[in-house]
Protein backbone atom coordinates (compact mmCIF):
# COMPACT_ATOMS: atom_id res chain seq x y z
CA MET A 1 140.62 142.66 112.03
CA LYS A 2 140.92 146.34 111.52
CA LYS A 3 143.93 146.09 109.76
CA TYR A 4 142.36 143.44 107.24
CA ILE A 5 139.57 145.66 106.68
CA LEU A 6 141.57 148.72 106.16
CA THR A 7 143.88 146.90 103.56
CA LEU A 8 140.78 145.46 101.98
CA ILE A 9 139.38 149.16 101.50
CA LEU A 10 142.78 150.32 100.03
CA LEU A 11 143.24 147.60 97.78
CA LEU A 12 139.60 147.57 96.46
CA PRO A 13 140.05 150.40 93.93
CA LEU A 14 143.11 148.81 92.72
CA LEU A 15 140.99 145.39 92.38
CA ALA A 16 138.22 147.28 90.60
CA ARG A 17 140.38 149.20 88.23
CA ALA A 18 140.20 148.28 84.58
CA ASP A 19 142.85 146.24 82.98
CA PHE A 20 145.43 147.68 80.65
CA THR A 21 147.42 144.85 79.03
CA THR A 22 150.26 144.70 77.01
CA LEU A 23 149.90 142.09 74.08
CA SER A 24 152.50 140.08 72.03
CA THR A 25 152.42 140.64 68.04
CA GLU A 26 150.63 137.29 67.80
CA LYS A 27 148.10 138.10 70.35
CA VAL A 28 147.44 141.35 68.59
CA GLN A 29 147.27 139.50 65.10
CA ALA A 30 144.93 137.21 66.52
CA LYS A 31 142.40 140.05 68.06
CA ILE A 32 142.74 141.83 64.66
CA ALA A 33 141.39 138.88 63.15
CA GLN A 34 138.36 138.73 65.52
CA GLY A 35 137.78 142.38 64.61
CA VAL A 36 139.16 144.35 67.74
CA THR A 37 139.77 147.93 66.71
CA VAL A 38 143.40 149.05 66.62
CA ILE A 39 144.08 152.84 67.20
CA ASP A 40 147.55 154.43 66.29
CA ILE A 41 148.16 157.64 68.35
CA ARG A 42 151.60 158.71 66.71
CA ARG A 43 151.75 161.88 64.75
CA ASP A 44 151.44 162.45 60.96
CA GLU A 45 155.19 162.62 60.19
CA GLU A 46 155.35 159.18 61.92
CA PHE A 47 152.50 157.55 60.07
CA LYS A 48 154.40 158.98 56.51
CA GLN A 49 157.56 157.43 57.73
CA TYR A 50 156.50 153.84 58.77
CA GLY A 51 152.83 153.61 57.54
CA ILE A 52 149.94 152.08 60.05
CA ILE A 53 149.03 148.62 60.65
CA PRO A 54 146.13 147.74 57.99
CA LYS A 55 142.82 148.84 59.28
CA SER A 56 144.23 151.00 62.06
CA HIS A 57 142.52 154.40 62.95
CA LYS A 58 144.84 157.29 63.12
CA LEU A 59 144.00 159.36 66.22
CA THR A 60 147.14 161.43 67.35
CA PHE A 61 146.99 162.12 71.11
CA PHE A 62 150.61 163.82 71.97
CA ASN A 63 151.91 166.55 69.82
CA LYS A 64 155.32 167.08 68.82
CA LYS A 65 156.05 168.97 72.00
CA GLY A 66 154.44 166.07 74.31
CA ARG A 67 151.17 168.13 74.66
CA TYR A 68 147.69 166.97 74.25
CA ASN A 69 144.09 168.02 74.35
CA ALA A 70 142.43 165.14 76.29
CA PRO A 71 138.65 166.29 75.93
CA LYS A 72 139.12 166.86 71.92
CA TRP A 73 140.93 163.48 71.48
CA LEU A 74 138.23 161.82 73.84
CA LYS A 75 135.33 163.24 71.63
CA SER A 76 137.09 161.63 68.38
CA PHE A 77 137.92 158.54 70.19
CA ALA A 78 134.14 157.98 71.24
CA LYS A 79 133.12 157.89 67.67
CA ILE A 80 135.71 154.64 67.31
CA VAL A 81 135.23 153.22 70.53
CA PRO A 82 131.42 153.62 71.47
CA ASN A 83 131.46 152.37 75.06
CA LYS A 84 133.82 151.75 77.95
CA ASP A 85 133.44 147.99 77.43
CA THR A 86 134.55 147.68 73.82
CA PRO A 87 137.84 146.31 73.30
CA PHE A 88 140.72 148.14 71.37
CA ILE A 89 144.62 148.15 70.89
CA LEU A 90 146.77 151.32 71.17
CA VAL A 91 149.73 151.74 69.06
CA CYS A 92 152.64 154.13 69.08
CA ALA A 93 156.18 153.86 67.88
CA HIS A 94 157.72 152.08 70.88
CA ALA A 95 154.74 151.38 73.39
CA ASN A 96 155.94 154.46 75.55
CA ARG A 97 153.13 156.88 74.86
CA THR A 98 150.33 154.07 74.81
CA LYS A 99 151.51 153.18 78.25
CA ILE A 100 150.38 156.79 79.34
CA LEU A 101 147.39 156.95 77.25
CA GLY A 102 146.44 153.25 78.41
CA ARG A 103 146.52 154.02 81.97
CA PHE A 104 144.73 157.25 81.66
CA LEU A 105 141.97 155.35 79.79
CA SER A 106 141.94 152.76 82.15
CA GLU A 107 141.29 155.37 84.91
CA GLN A 108 138.52 156.86 82.74
CA GLY A 109 136.68 153.65 83.17
CA TYR A 110 137.66 151.75 80.07
CA LYS A 111 137.84 148.35 80.57
CA ASN A 112 139.54 146.21 77.71
CA VAL A 113 142.46 148.69 77.04
CA SER A 114 145.46 146.87 75.37
CA GLU A 115 148.67 148.06 73.75
CA LEU A 116 151.20 146.43 71.44
CA ALA A 117 154.41 145.27 72.90
CA GLY A 118 157.30 147.31 71.57
CA GLY A 119 154.96 149.46 69.53
CA ILE A 120 154.75 149.48 65.67
CA ASN A 121 158.80 149.62 65.41
CA TYR A 122 159.75 146.61 67.51
CA GLY A 123 156.39 144.67 67.62
CA TRP A 124 155.51 144.87 64.18
CA ILE A 125 158.04 146.23 61.65
CA ASP A 126 160.72 144.19 63.27
CA LYS A 127 158.66 141.05 63.09
CA GLY A 128 158.58 141.40 59.36
CA LEU A 129 155.06 142.55 59.34
CA SER A 130 154.00 144.90 56.55
CA THR A 131 152.36 148.41 57.09
CA VAL A 132 150.15 150.13 54.90
CA LYS A 133 149.88 153.90 53.76
CA THR A 134 146.83 156.15 54.43
CA ALA A 135 144.05 155.44 52.30
CA GLY A 136 144.39 156.87 48.65
CA LYS A 137 142.07 158.40 46.53
CA ASP A 138 140.59 155.27 45.68
CA GLY A 139 139.86 154.44 49.42
CA LYS A 140 142.28 151.62 49.41
CA ASN A 141 145.27 151.13 51.37
CA LYS A 142 148.55 150.86 49.74
CA PRO A 143 151.29 148.66 50.76
CA TRP A 144 154.01 150.84 52.45
CA TYR A 145 156.59 149.29 54.72
CA LYS A 146 157.71 145.52 54.60
CA PHE A 147 160.90 143.49 55.10
CA TRP A 148 161.11 140.86 52.43
């Protein structure tokens, strides 16, 4: 009996831990249609090279050397994701950085953390979906990258 209680005590934090899920392209598209926020954590040169998913928020986490300032980033993040129950989807180039950040945010108590499987390169652009440049002077997104 003591072993069962000890096992339960050890597993309880894992069960209570918030979900971090990887979503297919189709599920991400459906969530975007429902109004779920998309946060692109890539760097500026990556935004310029491939554009962003329409309506995404650009919020770089890692710099070119892999360093980050979590408190500063979380302050900006809180303006986009108002509470820890708000669902959001993280995007990077290949879904490597989003896995690290997604687990970190789950550990911080965020309950609806998702990422795009394969990132923007293999989960979006390779699927023939377009991206947009950042907003132009007129405030509108411009088509940027698309396979025809």
